[in-house]
Amino acid sequence: MELILNYWVEFLFTTITTLLIYMFKQYVGLKSGIKALLNNEIIRIYELYSELGYCPSYIKENIEEIYNSYHKLGGDGMITTMVE
């Protein structure tokens, strides 16, 4: 009986650990992907409105929201300079 109990405890521990590692890898991948998309969007908007020579206020608000999300995900200083 004790042998069976030990087997199931080990099996459950291994399964839960494997599942947690898988979920963590998925989280890291999603975080990196979202950060890359936000980075790309800020650069795209920056280049577009730099060429035009002006930026409407609603776009500035949108960039600020995008940048705040990007920064919370650990964004770098290059984008900070662009946003400023």
C-alpha atoms as a PDB file:
ATOM      1  CA  MET A   1       0.000   0.000   0.000  1.00  0.00           C
ATOM      2  CA  GLU A   2       2.782   2.423   0.935  1.00  0.00           C
ATOM      3  CA  LEU A   3       4.605   1.656  -2.324  1.00  0.00           C
ATOM      4  CA  ILE A   4       1.508   2.518  -4.357  1.00  0.00           C
ATOM      5  CA  LEU A   5       0.995   5.724  -2.373  1.00  0.00           C
ATOM      6  CA  ASN A   6       4.627   6.769  -2.909  1.00  0.00           C
ATOM      7  CA  TYR A   7       4.286   6.047  -6.644  1.00  0.00           C
ATOM      8  CA  TRP A   8       1.188   8.252  -6.966  1.00  0.00           C
ATOM      9  CA  VAL A   9       2.694  11.090  -4.957  1.00  0.00           C
ATOM     10  CA  GLU A  10       5.784  11.031  -7.181  1.00  0.00           C
ATOM     11  CA  PHE A  11       3.630  10.824 -10.315  1.00  0.00           C
ATOM     12  CA  LEU A  12       1.469  13.782  -9.241  1.00  0.00           C
ATOM     13  CA  PHE A  13       4.494  15.861  -8.263  1.00  0.00           C
ATOM     14  CA  THR A  14       6.172  15.192 -11.619  1.00  0.00           C
ATOM     15  CA  THR A  15       2.991  15.970 -13.542  1.00  0.00           C
ATOM     16  CA  ILE A  16       2.351  19.226 -11.676  1.00  0.00           C
ATOM     17  CA  THR A  17       5.987  20.324 -12.043  1.00  0.00           C
ATOM     18  CA  THR A  18       5.949  19.571 -15.778  1.00  0.00           C
ATOM     19  CA  LEU A  19       2.690  21.479 -16.192  1.00  0.00           C
ATOM     20  CA  LEU A  20       4.032  24.504 -14.300  1.00  0.00           C
ATOM     21  CA  ILE A  21       7.200  24.569 -16.424  1.00  0.00           C
ATOM     22  CA  TYR A  22       5.092  24.369 -19.601  1.00  0.00           C
ATOM     23  CA  MET A  23       2.816  27.194 -18.429  1.00  0.00           C
ATOM     24  CA  PHE A  24       5.810  29.367 -17.503  1.00  0.00           C
ATOM     25  CA  LYS A  25       7.366  28.869 -20.957  1.00  0.00           C
ATOM     26  CA  GLN A  26       4.051  29.794 -22.574  1.00  0.00           C
ATOM     27  CA  TYR A  27       3.827  32.929 -20.415  1.00  0.00           C
ATOM     28  CA  VAL A  28       7.364  34.009 -21.314  1.00  0.00           C
ATOM     29  CA  GLY A  29       6.680  33.421 -25.009  1.00  0.00           C
ATOM     30  CA  LEU A  30       3.449  35.402 -24.959  1.00  0.00           C
ATOM     31  CA  LYS A  31       5.066  38.237 -23.035  1.00  0.00           C
ATOM     32  CA  SER A  32       7.932  38.437 -25.527  1.00  0.00           C
ATOM     33  CA  GLY A  33       5.566  38.318 -28.488  1.00  0.00           C
ATOM     34  CA  ILE A  34       3.301  41.051 -27.158  1.00  0.00           C
ATOM     35  CA  LYS A  35       6.309  43.228 -26.329  1.00  0.00           C
ATOM     36  CA  ALA A  36       7.631  42.798 -29.885  1.00  0.00           C
ATOM     37  CA  LEU A  37       4.244  43.714 -31.387  1.00  0.00           C
ATOM     38  CA  LEU A  38       3.959  46.829 -29.224  1.00  0.00           C
ATOM     39  CA  ASN A  39       7.532  47.804 -30.114  1.00  0.00           C
ATOM     40  CA  ASN A  40       6.752  47.409 -33.809  1.00  0.00           C
ATOM     41  CA  GLU A  41       3.566  49.476 -33.531  1.00  0.00           C
ATOM     42  CA  ILE A  42       5.318  52.359 -31.765  1.00  0.00           C
ATOM     43  CA  ILE A  43       8.062  52.400 -34.407  1.00  0.00           C
ATOM     44  CA  ARG A  44       5.488  52.270 -37.221  1.00  0.00           C
ATOM     45  CA  ILE A  45       3.497  55.173 -35.783  1.00  0.00           C
ATOM     46  CA  TYR A  46       6.675  57.159 -35.093  1.00  0.00           C
ATOM     47  CA  GLU A  47       7.929  56.753 -38.667  1.00  0.00           C
ATOM     48  CA  LEU A  48       4.541  57.599 -40.192  1.00  0.00           C
ATOM     49  CA  TYR A  49       3.969  60.783 -38.223  1.00  0.00           C
ATOM     50  CA  SER A  50       7.626  61.867 -38.415  1.00  0.00           C
ATOM     51  CA  GLU A  51       7.263  61.903 -42.202  1.00  0.00           C
ATOM     52  CA  LEU A  52       4.024  63.895 -41.981  1.00  0.00           C
ATOM     53  CA  GLY A  53       5.566  66.383 -39.558  1.00  0.00           C
ATOM     54  CA  TYR A  54       2.697  66.350 -37.059  1.00  0.00           C
ATOM     55  CA  CYS A  55       0.858  63.968 -34.771  1.00  0.00           C
ATOM     56  CA  PRO A  56      -2.833  64.320 -33.839  1.00  0.00           C
ATOM     57  CA  SER A  57      -3.693  64.326 -30.145  1.00  0.00           C
ATOM     58  CA  TYR A  58      -5.687  61.075 -30.337  1.00  0.00           C
ATOM     59  CA  ILE A  59      -2.600  59.332 -31.763  1.00  0.00           C
ATOM     60  CA  LYS A  60      -0.457  60.762 -28.955  1.00  0.00           C
ATOM     61  CA  GLU A  61      -2.902  59.319 -26.409  1.00  0.00           C
ATOM     62  CA  ASN A  62      -2.834  55.975 -28.199  1.00  0.00           C
ATOM     63  CA  ILE A  63       0.982  55.946 -28.240  1.00  0.00           C
ATOM     64  CA  GLU A  64       1.028  56.736 -24.520  1.00  0.00           C
ATOM     65  CA  GLU A  65      -1.249  53.757 -23.769  1.00  0.00           C
ATOM     66  CA  ILE A  66       0.807  51.469 -25.997  1.00  0.00           C
ATOM     67  CA  TYR A  67       4.047  52.700 -24.432  1.00  0.00           C
ATOM     68  CA  ASN A  68       2.763  52.180 -20.869  1.00  0.00           C
ATOM     69  CA  SER A  69       1.912  48.573 -21.702  1.00  0.00           C
ATOM     70  CA  TYR A  70       5.250  48.122 -23.455  1.00  0.00           C
ATOM     71  CA  HIS A  71       7.147  49.582 -20.501  1.00  0.00           C
ATOM     72  CA  LYS A  72       5.320  47.293 -18.021  1.00  0.00           C
ATOM     73  CA  LEU A  73       6.501  44.328 -20.093  1.00  0.00           C
ATOM     74  CA  GLY A  74      10.113  45.470 -19.668  1.00  0.00           C
ATOM     75  CA  GLY A  75      10.532  47.570 -22.808  1.00  0.00           C
ATOM     76  CA  ASP A  76      13.876  49.205 -23.553  1.00  0.00           C
ATOM     77  CA  GLY A  77      15.104  52.789 -23.672  1.00  0.00           C
ATOM     78  CA  MET A  78      15.153  53.178 -27.454  1.00  0.00           C
ATOM     79  CA  ILE A  79      11.366  53.313 -27.560  1.00  0.00           C
ATOM     80  CA  THR A  80      11.324  55.700 -24.588  1.00  0.00           C
ATOM     81  CA  THR A  81      13.420  58.138 -26.612  1.00  0.00           C
ATOM     82  CA  MET A  82      11.110  57.785 -29.612  1.00  0.00           C
ATOM     83  CA  VAL A  83       7.983  58.370 -27.535  1.00  0.00           C
ATOM     84  CA  GLU A  84       9.435  61.476 -25.914  1.00  0.00           C
END
